[in-house]
Amino acid sequence: MDETGGECVYRDKWYEVECAENVLVNILSRLPIKSILVCKSICKHWHRLLSSRAFIDEQLLWSQQNSIYIVYPFMDVLMELFFVDINGDIVKRLSFPYCENFSPITIICSFDGLLCCINYPWKANSGRVVDDEIDLEIRICNPVTKKALLIPKGSPSNEKPSIGVAFGPKINEYKIFRFFSSKRISLAKHPSRVNRRQCEVYSSSTGSWSVIGRVPYRPMHSSHSPLGSNHVFVNGNIYWFIALDEDPLIPGSILTVDTEETFGTINLPGDVTEHSYLVNLKGCLSLVSVHDEDEIMNIWILDDKNEPKWELKSRDIVPFSNDECVEFVVARENDLFVITSSQYYIYNSDHRFWRELYLPRMFETNFPVAFTYAESLLSCGGRIDPRIEYISERSI
């Protein structure tokens, strides 16, 4: 009798929780996405609740407040992703095959659980299949829901395109900016490349490309990112480096564009090397510049309250020798995740403290990248789209 009565009381209490949907949403939103997807199959009520926009937004908010790093150490045909927490421990490993016959693929950005991935398409050349290095396939992917959207092909180009992604202003909206060199025939004897530089933008709200037109600059190609240009998205703006005229490997200034498709440029401080990176440090555009000879790392923050002005936040000695090349840098709040040619570090910019991560030897690198990551239920296309691919997952 007591057990039966206790069970009834428990059921009544749980029924009250289910009826108070805000309480249930708060509880379930803290579960991993894999568990949430299982919960959706429990009953129709839970499926409706967990598919609602309110729940998706609540889960994303919780995930943003508990973000981690996603590390892709070895650019290859098969994407093997590692989820690393703020303590430097691997919490999940995911093999993420998209489809067969892919050339090596890389990740260029991460935002609200979505990744933008690019690779060279294949083409026939003299009876052989080779990479088409003047074009890029672009996919928006959600690794935990195992979905991806192949973005429609852009305009033909004479040169390798450059890509950047802006997110917002609404949740699950994004724009992809693609810089290309027009193939339009010119009657001039020596047509200027500057005149052929154009930009087009893909909008998730329309599902199509629109050509903006000619642009005076294009992002520089980084030696650490063979498929495209490193860029960062901060407070509604995308930022890329523009190469020096004298040296294509050294940044000379910054190209910027907002979600309204307005372009501009920003001068850099006189402290820039080949191993320089733009990051989002605590919501501010920041410049990380590593000087190999002096084994020094400088961090500059852009103060743009009135007019753009760079302020030196810190100047610190790096814990590795100049034999190690800095391959990639990303910021999470006040920390920098630094990948060198042989090691991984987390640097706290407030306390100026370096911490070496002892990750497994499986972390052999080949154009490694890392990003802050907050898993989510967001759709890859910003809406239900028949072109979304369902991707098989092989967890190890």
Protein backbone atom coordinates (compact mmCIF):
# COMPACT_ATOMS: atom_id res chain seq x y z
CA MET A 1 0.00 0.00 0.00
CA ASP A 2 2.81 2.38 0.94
CA GLU A 3 4.78 1.57 -2.22
CA THR A 4 1.71 2.04 -4.39
CA GLY A 5 0.86 5.29 -2.68
CA GLY A 6 4.44 6.52 -3.02
CA GLU A 7 4.43 5.69 -6.71
CA CYS A 8 1.19 7.63 -7.20
CA VAL A 9 2.62 10.64 -5.40
CA TYR A 10 5.75 10.46 -7.60
CA ARG A 11 3.62 10.29 -10.76
CA ASP A 12 1.50 13.21 -9.60
CA LYS A 13 4.60 15.30 -8.91
CA TRP A 14 6.13 14.46 -12.31
CA TYR A 15 2.82 15.31 -13.99
CA GLU A 16 2.99 18.71 -12.31
CA VAL A 17 6.50 19.18 -13.68
CA GLU A 18 5.34 18.28 -17.19
CA CYS A 19 2.47 20.73 -16.91
CA ALA A 20 4.86 23.49 -15.85
CA GLU A 21 6.60 23.56 -19.23
CA ASN A 22 9.02 26.29 -18.26
CA VAL A 23 10.39 24.03 -15.50
CA LEU A 24 10.63 21.07 -17.88
CA VAL A 25 12.34 23.18 -20.52
CA ASN A 26 14.90 24.40 -17.99
CA ILE A 27 15.69 20.80 -16.96
CA LEU A 28 15.86 19.21 -20.41
CA SER A 29 17.77 22.08 -22.02
CA ARG A 30 20.82 21.15 -19.91
CA LEU A 31 21.06 17.66 -21.41
CA PRO A 32 23.51 16.83 -24.21
CA ILE A 33 21.98 17.06 -27.69
CA LYS A 34 22.26 13.30 -28.14
CA SER A 35 20.09 12.77 -25.03
CA ILE A 36 17.62 15.45 -26.15
CA LEU A 37 17.14 13.67 -29.48
CA VAL A 38 16.35 10.46 -27.56
CA CYS A 39 13.88 12.32 -25.31
CA LYS A 40 11.97 13.54 -28.38
CA SER A 41 10.84 9.97 -29.02
CA ILE A 42 9.36 9.44 -25.53
CA CYS A 43 5.93 10.93 -26.25
CA LYS A 44 4.15 13.42 -28.49
CA HIS A 45 4.09 16.05 -25.76
CA TRP A 46 7.89 15.93 -25.35
CA HIS A 47 8.45 15.85 -29.10
CA ARG A 48 6.37 19.00 -29.53
CA LEU A 49 8.08 20.70 -26.61
CA LEU A 50 11.64 19.81 -27.64
CA SER A 51 10.97 20.87 -31.23
CA SER A 52 9.66 24.30 -30.25
CA ARG A 53 11.56 27.50 -30.93
CA ALA A 54 11.42 28.39 -27.23
CA PHE A 55 13.21 25.18 -26.26
CA ILE A 56 15.81 25.48 -29.03
CA ASP A 57 16.60 29.02 -27.88
CA GLU A 58 16.76 27.98 -24.21
CA GLN A 59 19.10 25.08 -24.99
CA LEU A 60 21.34 27.34 -27.07
CA LEU A 61 21.56 29.89 -24.24
CA TRP A 62 22.62 27.18 -21.78
CA SER A 63 25.17 25.81 -24.24
CA GLN A 64 26.65 29.27 -24.95
CA GLN A 65 27.22 29.76 -21.24
CA ASN A 66 29.06 26.42 -21.11
CA SER A 67 30.99 26.54 -24.38
CA ILE A 68 34.01 24.32 -25.09
CA TYR A 69 36.53 23.96 -27.93
CA ILE A 70 36.13 21.92 -31.07
CA VAL A 71 39.51 20.84 -32.48
CA TYR A 72 40.15 19.53 -35.99
CA PRO A 73 43.86 18.70 -35.91
CA PHE A 74 44.39 16.93 -39.21
CA MET A 75 42.83 18.19 -42.45
CA ASP A 76 41.72 15.10 -44.33
CA VAL A 77 38.92 13.55 -46.39
CA LEU A 78 37.42 12.16 -43.17
CA MET A 79 36.68 14.81 -40.57
CA GLU A 80 37.75 13.62 -37.13
CA LEU A 81 36.64 16.16 -34.54
CA PHE A 82 37.67 16.41 -30.89
CA PHE A 83 35.59 18.24 -28.28
CA VAL A 84 37.91 19.69 -25.62
CA ASP A 85 36.63 21.29 -22.42
CA ILE A 86 38.05 24.41 -20.78
CA ASN A 87 40.39 22.23 -18.68
CA GLY A 88 41.97 20.78 -21.80
CA ASP A 89 40.37 17.34 -21.48
CA ILE A 90 38.83 15.51 -24.44
CA VAL A 91 35.14 14.98 -23.64
CA LYS A 92 34.06 13.55 -26.99
CA ARG A 93 35.56 12.31 -30.24
CA LEU A 94 33.53 12.26 -33.43
CA SER A 95 34.28 10.88 -36.87
CA PHE A 96 32.19 12.87 -39.29
CA PRO A 97 32.11 11.49 -42.86
CA TYR A 98 30.01 13.57 -45.24
CA CYS A 99 30.02 11.59 -48.45
CA GLU A 100 32.35 9.64 -50.69
CA ASN A 101 34.91 11.08 -53.11
CA PHE A 102 35.67 14.22 -51.10
CA SER A 103 38.91 16.13 -51.33
CA PRO A 104 40.39 17.16 -47.93
CA ILE A 105 37.98 19.40 -46.05
CA THR A 106 38.58 22.08 -43.44
CA ILE A 107 36.52 24.16 -41.02
CA ILE A 108 36.64 27.95 -41.33
CA CYS A 109 34.30 29.04 -38.51
CA SER A 110 31.95 27.93 -35.74
CA PHE A 111 28.93 29.76 -34.35
CA ASP A 112 25.99 28.56 -32.21
CA GLY A 113 26.70 24.90 -32.94
CA LEU A 114 27.01 25.32 -36.72
CA LEU A 115 30.27 24.81 -38.61
CA CYS A 116 31.16 26.18 -42.04
CA CYS A 117 33.25 23.63 -43.92
CA ILE A 118 34.93 24.04 -47.30
CA ASN A 119 36.78 21.80 -49.75
CA TYR A 120 37.89 21.84 -53.36
CA PRO A 121 35.43 20.19 -55.75
CA TRP A 122 36.75 17.57 -58.15
CA LYS A 123 37.06 17.99 -61.88
CA ALA A 124 38.28 15.94 -64.86
CA ASN A 125 41.62 17.02 -66.32
CA SER A 126 43.30 15.05 -69.13
CA GLY A 127 41.54 11.89 -68.12
CA ARG A 128 42.37 12.33 -64.41
CA VAL A 129 40.28 13.54 -61.48
CA VAL A 130 41.97 16.48 -59.74
CA ASP A 131 41.09 19.22 -57.26
CA ASP A 132 39.53 22.34 -58.79
CA GLU A 133 41.58 24.94 -56.91
CA ILE A 134 39.72 27.96 -58.27
CA ASP A 135 36.41 26.88 -56.73
CA LEU A 136 35.16 25.80 -53.32
CA GLU A 137 32.32 23.63 -52.07
CA ILE A 138 30.75 25.19 -48.98
CA ARG A 139 28.69 23.35 -46.38
CA ILE A 140 26.99 24.50 -43.21
CA CYS A 141 27.01 21.56 -40.78
CA ASN A 142 25.66 20.64 -37.38
CA PRO A 143 27.88 17.78 -36.16
CA VAL A 144 25.72 16.67 -33.23
CA THR A 145 22.44 16.49 -35.18
CA LYS A 146 24.36 14.90 -38.11
CA LYS A 147 23.01 17.28 -40.74
CA ALA A 148 24.66 19.41 -43.41
CA LEU A 149 23.57 21.82 -46.11
CA LEU A 150 25.52 22.06 -49.37
CA ILE A 151 25.46 25.71 -50.42
CA PRO A 152 24.67 26.33 -54.13
CA LYS A 153 27.62 26.88 -56.43
CA GLY A 154 28.86 30.48 -56.69
CA SER A 155 29.97 32.53 -59.69
CA PRO A 156 32.86 31.25 -61.87
CA SER A 157 36.25 32.57 -60.81
CA ASN A 158 39.73 32.89 -62.32
CA GLU A 159 41.39 32.70 -58.90
CA LYS A 160 40.96 30.84 -55.64
CA PRO A 161 37.92 32.33 -53.82
CA SER A 162 37.96 33.64 -50.25
CA ILE A 163 35.12 33.03 -47.80
CA GLY A 164 33.76 34.67 -44.65
CA VAL A 165 30.56 34.04 -42.67
CA ALA A 166 28.45 36.55 -40.72
CA PHE A 167 25.75 35.36 -38.31
CA GLY A 168 22.56 37.18 -37.34
CA PRO A 169 20.86 39.45 -36.67
CA LYS A 170 18.32 36.76 -35.77
CA ILE A 171 19.18 33.33 -34.38
CA ASN A 172 19.92 30.85 -37.18
CA GLU A 173 20.44 33.52 -39.83
CA TYR A 174 23.73 33.86 -41.64
CA LYS A 175 25.38 35.37 -44.72
CA ILE A 176 28.34 33.89 -46.59
CA PHE A 177 30.59 36.42 -48.34
CA ARG A 178 32.54 35.00 -51.29
CA PHE A 179 35.32 36.97 -52.99
CA PHE A 180 36.12 35.86 -56.52
CA SER A 181 37.83 37.06 -59.69
CA SER A 182 35.34 37.56 -62.49
CA LYS A 183 35.84 35.64 -65.75
CA ARG A 184 34.30 38.45 -67.76
CA ILE A 185 36.23 39.10 -70.99
CA SER A 186 37.94 42.49 -71.20
CA LEU A 187 38.93 44.31 -74.42
CA ALA A 188 41.91 45.89 -72.66
CA LYS A 189 45.33 44.60 -73.66
CA HIS A 190 46.34 44.18 -70.04
CA PRO A 191 43.15 43.87 -67.99
CA SER A 192 43.56 44.89 -64.36
CA ARG A 193 42.99 42.24 -61.72
CA VAL A 194 41.63 44.91 -59.41
CA ASN A 195 38.76 45.51 -61.81
CA ARG A 196 37.86 41.82 -61.74
CA ARG A 197 37.68 41.53 -57.96
CA GLN A 198 34.08 40.99 -56.95
CA CYS A 199 32.08 39.81 -53.99
CA GLU A 200 28.81 37.94 -53.76
CA VAL A 201 26.76 36.98 -50.73
CA TYR A 202 24.64 33.96 -49.91
CA SER A 203 21.77 34.57 -47.51
CA SER A 204 20.17 31.81 -45.44
CA SER A 205 16.88 33.73 -45.60
CA THR A 206 16.72 33.53 -49.42
CA GLY A 207 18.78 30.39 -50.08
CA SER A 208 20.56 32.03 -53.02
CA TRP A 209 23.57 34.15 -54.04
CA SER A 210 23.47 37.81 -55.00
CA VAL A 211 26.42 39.69 -56.50
CA ILE A 212 27.43 42.82 -54.61
CA GLY A 213 29.84 43.90 -57.33
CA ARG A 214 33.42 45.10 -57.47
CA VAL A 215 35.42 45.50 -54.26
CA PRO A 216 38.73 47.36 -53.84
CA TYR A 217 40.35 44.64 -51.71
CA ARG A 218 40.18 40.92 -51.16
CA PRO A 219 41.26 38.91 -48.09
CA MET A 220 44.81 37.60 -48.04
CA HIS A 221 45.41 33.88 -48.26
CA SER A 222 47.09 32.51 -45.15
CA SER A 223 49.94 30.02 -45.35
CA HIS A 224 48.27 28.26 -42.39
CA SER A 225 44.92 27.91 -44.18
CA PRO A 226 45.42 26.47 -47.70
CA LEU A 227 41.74 26.51 -48.66
CA GLY A 228 40.88 30.04 -47.71
CA SER A 229 41.43 33.08 -45.56
CA ASN A 230 41.31 33.19 -41.78
CA HIS A 231 38.56 35.48 -40.58
CA VAL A 232 36.71 36.30 -37.38
CA PHE A 233 33.14 37.44 -36.68
CA VAL A 234 32.74 39.99 -33.87
CA ASN A 235 29.66 42.03 -32.96
CA GLY A 236 28.00 41.89 -36.36
CA ASN A 237 31.16 42.34 -38.46
CA ILE A 238 33.53 40.01 -40.34
CA TYR A 239 37.22 40.82 -40.32
CA TRP A 240 39.98 39.53 -42.64
CA PHE A 241 43.61 40.50 -43.13
CA ILE A 242 44.62 42.36 -46.31
CA ALA A 243 48.16 41.46 -47.41
CA LEU A 244 50.97 43.95 -47.70
CA ASP A 245 51.79 44.94 -51.26
CA GLU A 246 55.44 44.08 -50.63
CA ASP A 247 54.84 40.68 -48.98
CA PRO A 248 51.69 38.57 -49.55
CA LEU A 249 52.36 36.61 -46.35
CA ILE A 250 52.35 39.62 -44.01
CA PRO A 251 49.10 41.44 -43.05
CA GLY A 252 49.03 45.11 -43.96
CA SER A 253 45.53 46.13 -42.87
CA ILE A 254 42.08 44.69 -42.09
CA LEU A 255 39.08 44.35 -44.39
CA THR A 256 35.69 44.50 -42.67
CA VAL A 257 32.06 44.05 -43.73
CA ASP A 258 28.85 44.06 -41.71
CA THR A 259 25.60 42.16 -42.21
CA GLU A 260 24.24 45.14 -44.16
CA GLU A 261 27.06 44.47 -46.69
CA THR A 262 28.94 47.70 -45.94
CA PHE A 263 32.72 47.39 -46.47
CA GLY A 264 35.54 49.23 -44.74
CA THR A 265 39.20 48.97 -43.75
CA ILE A 266 41.09 49.31 -40.45
CA ASN A 267 44.77 50.08 -39.99
CA LEU A 268 46.92 47.68 -37.99
CA PRO A 269 49.43 48.56 -35.29
CA GLY A 270 53.04 48.43 -36.45
CA ASP A 271 53.49 45.10 -34.70
CA VAL A 272 52.43 42.43 -37.18
CA THR A 273 54.19 39.23 -38.27
CA GLU A 274 53.38 36.31 -40.52
CA HIS A 275 52.15 34.51 -37.39
CA SER A 276 49.35 36.98 -36.64
CA TYR A 277 45.71 36.12 -35.95
CA LEU A 278 42.44 38.00 -35.51
CA VAL A 279 40.34 36.72 -32.59
CA ASN A 280 37.23 37.60 -30.62
CA LEU A 281 38.56 38.26 -27.13
CA LYS A 282 35.73 38.94 -24.66
CA GLY A 283 33.58 40.49 -27.39
CA CYS A 284 36.33 42.72 -28.84
CA LEU A 285 38.27 42.42 -32.07
CA SER A 286 41.80 41.52 -31.03
CA LEU A 287 45.11 40.92 -32.76
CA VAL A 288 47.51 38.19 -31.63
CA SER A 289 51.01 38.60 -33.05
CA VAL A 290 53.79 36.09 -32.35
CA HIS A 291 57.41 37.14 -32.86
CA ASP A 292 59.45 33.99 -33.47
CA GLU A 293 62.91 35.50 -33.04
CA ASP A 294 62.13 37.14 -29.69
CA GLU A 295 59.75 34.35 -28.59
CA ILE A 296 57.22 37.04 -27.66
CA MET A 297 53.44 37.18 -28.11
CA ASN A 298 51.63 40.52 -28.18
CA ILE A 299 47.86 40.91 -27.79
CA TRP A 300 46.23 44.09 -29.11
CA ILE A 301 42.58 45.05 -28.55
CA LEU A 302 40.67 47.40 -30.84
CA ASP A 303 38.94 50.17 -28.92
CA ASP A 304 36.32 51.53 -31.32
CA LYS A 305 34.08 53.51 -28.98
CA ASN A 306 34.77 56.71 -30.89
CA GLU A 307 37.28 55.85 -33.59
CA PRO A 308 39.38 52.70 -34.13
CA LYS A 309 42.39 52.66 -31.83
CA TRP A 310 44.61 49.69 -30.91
CA GLU A 311 45.61 49.18 -27.30
CA LEU A 312 48.33 46.74 -26.22
CA LYS A 313 46.70 44.41 -23.69
CA SER A 314 49.71 42.19 -22.95
CA ARG A 315 53.22 41.34 -24.06
CA ASP A 316 54.45 37.99 -22.83
CA ILE A 317 57.12 35.37 -23.42
CA VAL A 318 55.85 32.20 -25.10
CA PRO A 319 56.65 28.82 -23.48
CA PHE A 320 57.96 27.28 -26.72
CA SER A 321 61.09 27.82 -28.78
CA ASN A 322 61.25 29.65 -32.09
CA ASP A 323 61.61 26.25 -33.77
CA GLU A 324 57.89 25.72 -33.17
CA CYS A 325 55.58 27.48 -35.58
CA VAL A 326 52.24 28.83 -34.37
CA GLU A 327 49.64 27.15 -36.58
CA PHE A 328 46.36 28.53 -35.20
CA VAL A 329 44.93 30.72 -32.43
CA VAL A 330 41.33 31.08 -31.23
CA ALA A 331 39.86 32.89 -28.22
CA ARG A 332 37.24 31.84 -25.68
CA GLU A 333 36.30 34.63 -23.26
CA ASN A 334 39.70 35.71 -21.86
CA ASP A 335 41.60 32.55 -22.90
CA LEU A 336 43.59 31.84 -26.06
CA PHE A 337 43.77 28.30 -27.43
CA VAL A 338 47.14 28.15 -29.21
CA ILE A 339 48.21 25.35 -31.56
CA THR A 340 51.90 25.09 -32.48
CA SER A 341 53.57 22.63 -34.80
CA SER A 342 53.98 20.15 -31.96
CA GLN A 343 51.87 21.17 -28.97
CA TYR A 344 48.63 22.72 -27.63
CA TYR A 345 48.40 25.49 -25.04
CA ILE A 346 45.76 27.60 -23.27
CA TYR A 347 46.85 31.13 -22.35
CA ASN A 348 44.89 33.22 -19.86
CA SER A 349 45.21 36.82 -21.05
CA ASP A 350 44.08 38.33 -17.74
CA HIS A 351 46.50 36.46 -15.48
CA ARG A 352 49.14 35.99 -18.22
CA PHE A 353 49.42 32.29 -17.45
CA TRP A 354 50.32 29.51 -19.92
CA ARG A 355 49.02 25.96 -19.54
CA GLU A 356 50.31 23.15 -21.74
CA LEU A 357 47.72 20.54 -22.75
CA TYR A 358 48.87 16.93 -22.69
CA LEU A 359 46.67 15.60 -25.44
CA PRO A 360 47.17 12.12 -26.93
CA ARG A 361 49.81 11.50 -29.57
CA MET A 362 46.97 10.86 -32.01
CA PHE A 363 46.88 14.64 -32.38
CA GLU A 364 49.19 14.66 -35.38
CA THR A 365 48.60 17.94 -37.16
CA ASN A 366 48.01 18.94 -40.76
CA PHE A 367 46.72 22.52 -41.04
CA PRO A 368 45.00 22.25 -37.62
CA VAL A 369 42.14 24.53 -36.57
CA ALA A 370 40.18 25.04 -33.36
CA PHE A 371 37.09 27.06 -32.50
CA THR A 372 34.86 27.75 -29.54
CA TYR A 373 31.82 25.53 -29.75
CA ALA A 374 28.33 25.44 -28.21
CA GLU A 375 26.29 22.47 -29.38
CA SER A 376 22.76 23.27 -30.53
CA LEU A 377 19.67 22.04 -32.34
CA LEU A 378 19.82 24.80 -34.96
CA SER A 379 19.01 23.94 -38.55
CA CYS A 380 21.82 24.22 -41.09
CA GLY A 381 19.70 26.15 -43.56
CA GLY A 382 17.89 28.50 -41.21
CA ARG A 383 14.67 26.73 -42.14
CA ILE A 384 13.43 23.28 -43.21
CA ASP A 385 15.21 22.62 -46.49
CA PRO A 386 15.00 19.51 -48.71
CA ARG A 387 18.69 19.94 -49.64
CA ILE A 388 19.85 19.12 -46.11
CA GLU A 389 21.90 15.94 -46.03
CA TYR A 390 21.55 13.40 -43.22
CA ILE A 391 25.02 12.23 -42.38
CA SER A 392 26.02 8.91 -40.89
CA GLU A 393 28.03 9.10 -37.69
CA ARG A 394 30.80 6.75 -36.57
CA SER A 395 31.66 7.47 -32.95
CA ILE A 396 34.92 6.06 -31.66
